[in-house]
Amino acid sequence: MNKKPMIYQAENGAIELSVDSNYDTVWASQKQIAEIFSVSPQNITIHLKNIFASGELDQEATCKESLQVQKEGKREVKRTVKEYNLDVLISIGYRIDSILGTNFRKWATKTLKEHITKGFTLNENLLKQKEELYLQVLEDIKKLSSDNPYISNTQIIDLIKNFSSTWFNLESYDKQDLPKRGEDNSSISLDRASLSKKLYEEVDVFKQELISKKEASQLFAQEKVKGSLGGTLGNVFQSAFGQDAYETIEEKAAHLLYFIVKNHPFDDGNKRTGAFSFIWFLDKAKFDFSDLINPQTLTALTLLIAESNPKDKDKMVGLILLLLKR
């Protein structure tokens, strides 16, 4: 059974938790708030009345009643105690007249200034707690590319960096809880036949550009079996019982990349054509990936898929979906 987190004020004035940090907010009784700021409970009562009377905070939204059981001698006594959330603690911290209240205001002002000027704030203690998770995830992704001479540590780190907007969602990877669905249910304006024809045309333009740069030969994107690329595109639009097997734009794009890279439909250039088709498809779907996928990420991701074990298909697709998550 998890212990209830202890609330205290750190040396820098910040409100901190101990014992367990897996809480969305902080709930503290009037007595606990008084202890945090080193004042009497009566002092806190006055501030609470003023805060709620002025309309600064809504009492119903920031206060709850909690049943507490205490032993008094041989008896267990149950009492209903009011608890207040983090919004109340912050509001009181700006009103309280004590040394600890002053320390809190200095810390809060510094934190707010950092957030405004930098656009973000960091909780160093939380980051230290997450360090072990970060290292484990990094090692897990490296294992997926073990014995692969084509993927460098730098490329893997580039891939990791692109999870930054939803950084702690990497915990989903650690728990094998990667996304299975995307979020964009919009449709592509072109019908499947037109889309397939357009993809062939664009891949050919891409091929000619590479040949002109002497970065590819005539074997590049040359199908082993005629119609393979169109068939692969058709697979991502397959349906069952009137419903798309891959319902969202992200799922379709992820499977298009995976199928081209892993099924080797071409004599040469499967990875490059797969990466090109992935970006081309997202663009045709008007899915804005500009701040989600950069060239380094796409390179590392494509190589990772190419060298992955087929049994890890769902994991690879999940990684793509996580990268495309807004």
Protein backbone atom coordinates (compact mmCIF):
# COMPACT_ATOMS: atom_id res chain seq x y z
CA MET A 1 0.00 0.00 0.00
CA ASN A 2 1.42 3.42 -0.97
CA LYS A 3 2.00 5.88 1.82
CA LYS A 4 0.31 9.24 1.56
CA PRO A 5 2.88 11.82 0.35
CA MET A 6 4.37 14.14 2.93
CA ILE A 7 4.26 17.82 2.00
CA TYR A 8 7.02 20.17 3.02
CA GLN A 9 8.88 23.28 1.99
CA ALA A 10 12.33 22.78 0.49
CA GLU A 11 15.28 24.99 1.35
CA ASN A 12 14.74 27.05 -1.81
CA GLY A 13 11.14 27.77 -0.78
CA ALA A 14 9.48 25.32 -3.16
CA ILE A 15 6.56 23.15 -2.10
CA GLU A 16 7.77 19.56 -2.38
CA LEU A 17 6.44 16.04 -1.94
CA SER A 18 8.17 13.05 -0.42
CA VAL A 19 7.33 9.32 -0.29
CA ASP A 20 5.35 9.22 -3.55
CA SER A 21 5.39 11.72 -6.45
CA ASN A 22 2.74 10.01 -8.62
CA TYR A 23 0.07 12.56 -7.79
CA ASP A 24 -1.67 15.05 -10.11
CA THR A 25 -1.94 17.67 -7.41
CA VAL A 26 -1.23 18.25 -3.72
CA TRP A 27 -3.88 18.02 -1.03
CA ALA A 28 -3.07 19.37 2.42
CA SER A 29 -5.08 19.94 5.57
CA GLN A 30 -5.20 23.28 7.33
CA LYS A 31 -2.80 21.89 9.94
CA GLN A 32 -0.33 20.76 7.26
CA ILE A 33 -0.45 24.14 5.52
CA ALA A 34 0.29 25.83 8.83
CA GLU A 35 3.29 23.53 9.34
CA ILE A 36 4.58 24.22 5.82
CA PHE A 37 4.69 27.98 6.43
CA SER A 38 5.45 27.77 10.17
CA VAL A 39 2.37 29.68 11.36
CA SER A 40 -0.68 28.83 13.47
CA PRO A 41 -3.76 27.05 12.02
CA GLN A 42 -5.79 30.11 13.06
CA ASN A 43 -3.61 32.23 10.80
CA ILE A 44 -4.40 29.92 7.89
CA THR A 45 -8.14 30.16 8.69
CA ILE A 46 -8.05 33.93 8.22
CA HIS A 47 -6.30 33.64 4.85
CA LEU A 48 -8.69 30.93 3.63
CA LYS A 49 -11.72 33.11 4.43
CA ASN A 50 -10.21 36.07 2.56
CA ILE A 51 -9.21 33.95 -0.46
CA PHE A 52 -12.68 32.47 -0.91
CA ALA A 53 -14.58 35.66 0.03
CA SER A 54 -12.66 37.70 -2.57
CA GLY A 55 -13.40 35.15 -5.28
CA GLU A 56 -9.71 34.55 -5.90
CA LEU A 57 -10.40 30.82 -5.77
CA ASP A 58 -13.55 28.73 -5.83
CA GLN A 59 -13.91 26.77 -2.61
CA GLU A 60 -15.76 23.83 -4.16
CA ALA A 61 -13.07 23.39 -6.84
CA THR A 62 -10.10 23.62 -4.49
CA CYS A 63 -11.36 21.98 -1.29
CA LYS A 64 -12.46 18.44 -0.48
CA GLU A 65 -13.38 16.50 2.63
CA SER A 66 -11.30 13.49 3.62
CA LEU A 67 -11.98 10.87 6.25
CA GLN A 68 -9.09 10.42 8.67
CA VAL A 69 -8.78 7.66 11.25
CA GLN A 70 -6.70 8.33 14.37
CA LYS A 71 -5.96 6.21 17.41
CA GLU A 72 -6.76 7.86 20.73
CA GLY A 73 -5.75 5.42 23.40
CA LYS A 74 -7.37 2.13 22.46
CA ARG A 75 -10.06 3.77 20.36
CA GLU A 76 -10.09 4.53 16.65
CA VAL A 77 -11.64 7.92 16.06
CA LYS A 78 -12.90 8.89 12.60
CA ARG A 79 -12.97 12.56 11.68
CA THR A 80 -13.82 14.45 8.52
CA VAL A 81 -11.02 16.86 7.66
CA LYS A 82 -11.02 19.52 4.95
CA GLU A 83 -8.09 19.40 2.54
CA TYR A 84 -6.98 22.07 0.08
CA ASN A 85 -5.18 21.67 -3.23
CA LEU A 86 -2.01 23.22 -4.64
CA ASP A 87 -3.81 26.36 -5.86
CA VAL A 88 -4.72 27.17 -2.26
CA LEU A 89 -1.17 26.54 -1.02
CA ILE A 90 0.21 28.93 -3.64
CA SER A 91 -2.37 31.61 -2.82
CA ILE A 92 -1.63 31.36 0.90
CA GLY A 93 2.10 31.39 0.18
CA TYR A 94 1.72 34.84 -1.39
CA ARG A 95 -0.20 36.16 1.64
CA ILE A 96 1.54 34.59 4.63
CA ASP A 97 3.75 36.72 6.86
CA SER A 98 6.58 34.43 7.90
CA ILE A 99 10.16 33.64 6.93
CA LEU A 100 9.03 30.49 5.12
CA GLY A 101 6.33 32.48 3.35
CA THR A 102 8.99 34.92 2.16
CA ASN A 103 11.17 32.05 0.95
CA PHE A 104 8.24 30.64 -0.97
CA ARG A 105 7.53 33.97 -2.68
CA LYS A 106 11.17 34.33 -3.72
CA TRP A 107 11.15 30.84 -5.22
CA ALA A 108 7.77 31.31 -6.93
CA THR A 109 8.80 34.66 -8.45
CA LYS A 110 12.07 33.17 -9.71
CA THR A 111 10.23 30.18 -11.20
CA LEU A 112 7.61 32.36 -12.89
CA LYS A 113 10.30 34.62 -14.35
CA GLU A 114 12.17 31.59 -15.70
CA HIS A 115 9.00 30.25 -17.28
CA ILE A 116 8.20 33.58 -18.98
CA THR A 117 11.72 34.23 -20.28
CA LYS A 118 12.68 30.66 -21.21
CA GLY A 119 9.27 29.24 -22.01
CA PHE A 120 9.75 26.33 -19.61
CA THR A 121 10.68 25.42 -16.05
CA LEU A 122 12.48 22.35 -14.76
CA ASN A 123 11.92 20.34 -11.62
CA GLU A 124 15.43 19.07 -10.94
CA ASN A 125 14.28 16.54 -8.33
CA LEU A 126 11.73 15.05 -10.72
CA LEU A 127 14.31 14.86 -13.49
CA LYS A 128 16.67 12.97 -11.20
CA GLN A 129 13.88 10.53 -10.38
CA LYS A 130 13.26 10.03 -14.10
CA GLU A 131 16.95 9.60 -14.95
CA GLU A 132 16.81 5.85 -14.43
CA LEU A 133 13.75 5.61 -16.73
CA TYR A 134 15.53 7.67 -19.39
CA LEU A 135 18.63 5.47 -19.31
CA GLN A 136 16.55 2.30 -19.48
CA VAL A 137 14.54 3.55 -22.48
CA LEU A 138 17.74 4.61 -24.23
CA GLU A 139 19.23 1.17 -23.72
CA ASP A 140 16.02 -0.53 -24.88
CA ILE A 141 16.00 1.42 -28.14
CA LYS A 142 19.69 0.66 -28.65
CA LYS A 143 18.93 -3.04 -28.22
CA LEU A 144 16.47 -2.83 -31.09
CA SER A 145 19.39 -1.86 -33.30
CA SER A 146 21.96 -4.21 -31.76
CA ASP A 147 24.54 -5.65 -34.14
CA ASN A 148 23.51 -3.06 -36.70
CA PRO A 149 26.57 -1.24 -38.16
CA TYR A 150 24.38 1.34 -39.90
CA ILE A 151 22.84 2.99 -36.86
CA SER A 152 25.14 5.14 -34.74
CA ASN A 153 24.60 6.24 -31.16
CA THR A 154 24.25 9.79 -32.46
CA GLN A 155 21.34 8.77 -34.68
CA ILE A 156 19.66 6.97 -31.80
CA ILE A 157 20.04 10.07 -29.63
CA ASP A 158 18.54 12.18 -32.45
CA LEU A 159 15.57 9.84 -32.39
CA ILE A 160 15.28 10.15 -28.62
CA LYS A 161 15.41 13.96 -28.81
CA ASN A 162 12.32 14.03 -30.96
CA PHE A 163 10.25 12.66 -28.11
CA SER A 164 11.01 15.87 -26.20
CA SER A 165 7.58 17.48 -26.68
CA THR A 166 6.02 14.50 -24.91
CA TRP A 167 9.17 13.37 -23.13
CA PHE A 168 7.73 11.40 -20.27
CA ASN A 169 5.50 9.52 -22.70
CA LEU A 170 8.63 7.45 -23.19
CA GLU A 171 7.42 5.70 -20.06
CA SER A 172 4.85 4.16 -22.42
CA TYR A 173 7.73 2.48 -24.23
CA ASP A 174 9.15 1.18 -20.98
CA LYS A 175 5.76 -0.27 -20.03
CA GLN A 176 5.12 -1.70 -23.53
CA ASP A 177 2.16 0.65 -23.75
CA LEU A 178 2.87 2.38 -27.06
CA PRO A 179 0.00 3.96 -29.03
CA LYS A 180 -2.05 1.65 -31.22
CA ARG A 181 -4.18 4.39 -32.76
CA GLY A 182 -3.56 7.79 -34.26
CA GLU A 183 -5.78 10.84 -33.79
CA ASP A 184 -6.27 12.31 -37.30
CA ASN A 185 -9.36 10.77 -38.91
CA SER A 186 -9.44 13.12 -41.90
CA SER A 187 -9.56 11.66 -45.41
CA ILE A 188 -7.25 12.25 -48.37
CA SER A 189 -8.82 14.19 -51.24
CA LEU A 190 -7.48 11.85 -53.96
CA ASP A 191 -9.09 8.45 -54.55
CA ARG A 192 -6.91 5.38 -54.12
CA ALA A 193 -6.20 4.91 -57.85
CA SER A 194 -5.22 8.55 -58.33
CA LEU A 195 -3.14 8.44 -55.15
CA SER A 196 -1.28 5.35 -56.35
CA LYS A 197 -0.60 6.89 -59.77
CA LYS A 198 0.65 10.10 -58.12
CA LEU A 199 2.96 8.17 -55.79
CA TYR A 200 4.53 6.32 -58.73
CA GLU A 201 5.09 9.63 -60.51
CA GLU A 202 6.65 11.30 -57.47
CA VAL A 203 8.90 8.32 -56.71
CA ASP A 204 10.13 8.40 -60.32
CA VAL A 205 10.94 12.12 -60.01
CA PHE A 206 12.77 11.33 -56.76
CA LYS A 207 14.67 8.53 -58.53
CA GLN A 208 15.76 10.75 -61.42
CA GLU A 209 17.01 13.41 -59.00
CA LEU A 210 19.14 10.84 -57.18
CA ILE A 211 20.48 9.43 -60.46
CA SER A 212 21.42 12.94 -61.63
CA LYS A 213 23.37 13.37 -58.39
CA LYS A 214 24.96 9.93 -58.90
CA GLU A 215 23.39 8.77 -55.64
CA ALA A 216 21.39 5.95 -57.26
CA SER A 217 21.33 3.65 -60.27
CA GLN A 218 18.53 2.48 -62.56
CA LEU A 219 17.89 -0.33 -60.06
CA PHE A 220 16.65 2.23 -57.53
CA ALA A 221 12.88 1.88 -56.91
CA GLN A 222 12.67 -0.74 -59.64
CA GLU A 223 9.92 -3.12 -58.59
CA LYS A 224 10.70 -6.81 -58.24
CA VAL A 225 7.07 -7.51 -59.09
CA LYS A 226 5.10 -4.99 -61.11
CA GLY A 227 2.51 -3.14 -59.03
CA SER A 228 4.21 -3.83 -55.67
CA LEU A 229 4.26 -0.18 -54.57
CA GLY A 230 0.61 0.30 -55.54
CA GLY A 231 -0.25 -2.91 -53.71
CA THR A 232 1.52 -1.70 -50.59
CA LEU A 233 -0.37 1.59 -50.72
CA GLY A 234 -3.57 -0.39 -51.20
CA ASN A 235 -2.77 -2.44 -48.10
CA VAL A 236 -2.77 0.63 -45.86
CA PHE A 237 -6.28 1.42 -47.15
CA GLN A 238 -7.61 -2.11 -46.70
CA SER A 239 -10.89 -2.45 -44.87
CA ALA A 240 -12.86 -5.13 -43.10
CA PHE A 241 -16.63 -5.09 -42.61
CA GLY A 242 -16.80 -1.58 -44.04
CA GLN A 243 -14.20 -0.12 -41.67
CA ASP A 244 -10.59 0.79 -42.42
CA ALA A 245 -8.06 -1.58 -40.85
CA TYR A 246 -5.85 1.44 -40.22
CA GLU A 247 -8.32 4.16 -39.35
CA THR A 248 -6.18 7.28 -39.00
CA ILE A 249 -3.70 9.16 -41.17
CA GLU A 250 -0.90 8.37 -38.72
CA GLU A 251 -1.64 4.63 -38.77
CA LYS A 252 -1.75 4.54 -42.57
CA ALA A 253 1.52 6.49 -42.87
CA ALA A 254 3.25 4.34 -40.23
CA HIS A 255 2.27 1.10 -41.96
CA LEU A 256 3.23 2.45 -45.38
CA LEU A 257 6.74 3.17 -44.09
CA TYR A 258 6.99 -0.18 -42.33
CA PHE A 259 5.70 -2.28 -45.25
CA ILE A 260 7.96 -0.68 -47.86
CA VAL A 261 11.07 -0.94 -45.69
CA LYS A 262 10.46 -4.49 -44.44
CA ASN A 263 8.87 -6.14 -47.51
CA HIS A 264 11.61 -5.05 -49.95
CA PRO A 265 9.39 -4.46 -53.01
CA PHE A 266 12.32 -2.92 -54.95
CA ASP A 267 15.65 -4.19 -56.27
CA ASP A 268 17.32 -1.25 -54.55
CA GLY A 269 16.37 1.79 -52.47
CA ASN A 270 13.70 0.28 -50.23
CA LYS A 271 14.66 2.36 -47.19
CA ARG A 272 14.94 5.64 -49.08
CA THR A 273 11.76 5.04 -51.03
CA GLY A 274 9.95 4.03 -47.85
CA ALA A 275 11.05 7.21 -46.06
CA PHE A 276 10.12 9.33 -49.11
CA SER A 277 6.68 7.69 -49.40
CA PHE A 278 6.04 8.20 -45.67
CA ILE A 279 6.66 11.95 -45.87
CA TRP A 280 4.85 12.20 -49.23
CA PHE A 281 1.78 10.50 -47.78
CA LEU A 282 1.66 12.78 -44.72
CA ASP A 283 1.99 15.79 -47.00
CA LYS A 284 -0.86 14.59 -49.26
CA ALA A 285 -2.99 14.08 -46.16
CA LYS A 286 -2.17 17.67 -45.09
CA PHE A 287 -0.78 16.32 -41.82
CA ASP A 288 1.63 18.92 -40.40
CA PHE A 289 4.71 16.94 -39.34
CA SER A 290 7.21 19.82 -39.61
CA ASP A 291 7.79 20.09 -35.88
CA LEU A 292 7.55 16.34 -35.26
CA ILE A 293 9.83 14.65 -37.81
CA ASN A 294 13.18 16.02 -38.98
CA PRO A 295 15.63 14.39 -41.45
CA GLN A 296 17.80 12.94 -38.69
CA THR A 297 14.79 11.38 -36.99
CA LEU A 298 13.49 9.93 -40.24
CA THR A 299 16.89 8.43 -41.05
CA ALA A 300 17.29 6.80 -37.64
CA LEU A 301 13.69 5.60 -37.60
CA THR A 302 13.94 4.05 -41.07
CA LEU A 303 17.19 2.26 -40.22
CA LEU A 304 15.70 1.08 -36.96
CA ILE A 305 12.73 -0.45 -38.81
CA ALA A 306 15.00 -2.02 -41.44
CA GLU A 307 17.09 -3.82 -38.84
CA SER A 308 14.25 -4.69 -36.45
CA ASN A 309 12.96 -8.17 -35.81
CA PRO A 310 9.64 -8.78 -37.61
CA LYS A 311 8.10 -9.78 -34.27
CA ASP A 312 8.65 -6.17 -33.16
CA LYS A 313 6.36 -4.76 -35.88
CA ASP A 314 3.78 -3.41 -33.43
CA LYS A 315 6.55 -1.80 -31.42
CA MET A 316 7.99 -0.10 -34.50
CA VAL A 317 4.59 1.17 -35.60
CA GLY A 318 3.94 2.34 -32.03
CA LEU A 319 7.17 4.34 -32.04
CA ILE A 320 6.11 6.07 -35.26
CA LEU A 321 2.68 6.88 -33.82
CA LEU A 322 4.29 8.26 -30.67
CA LEU A 323 6.55 10.50 -32.76
CA LEU A 324 3.52 11.77 -34.69
CA LYS A 325 1.55 12.47 -31.53
CA ARG A 326 0.79 16.18 -31.13
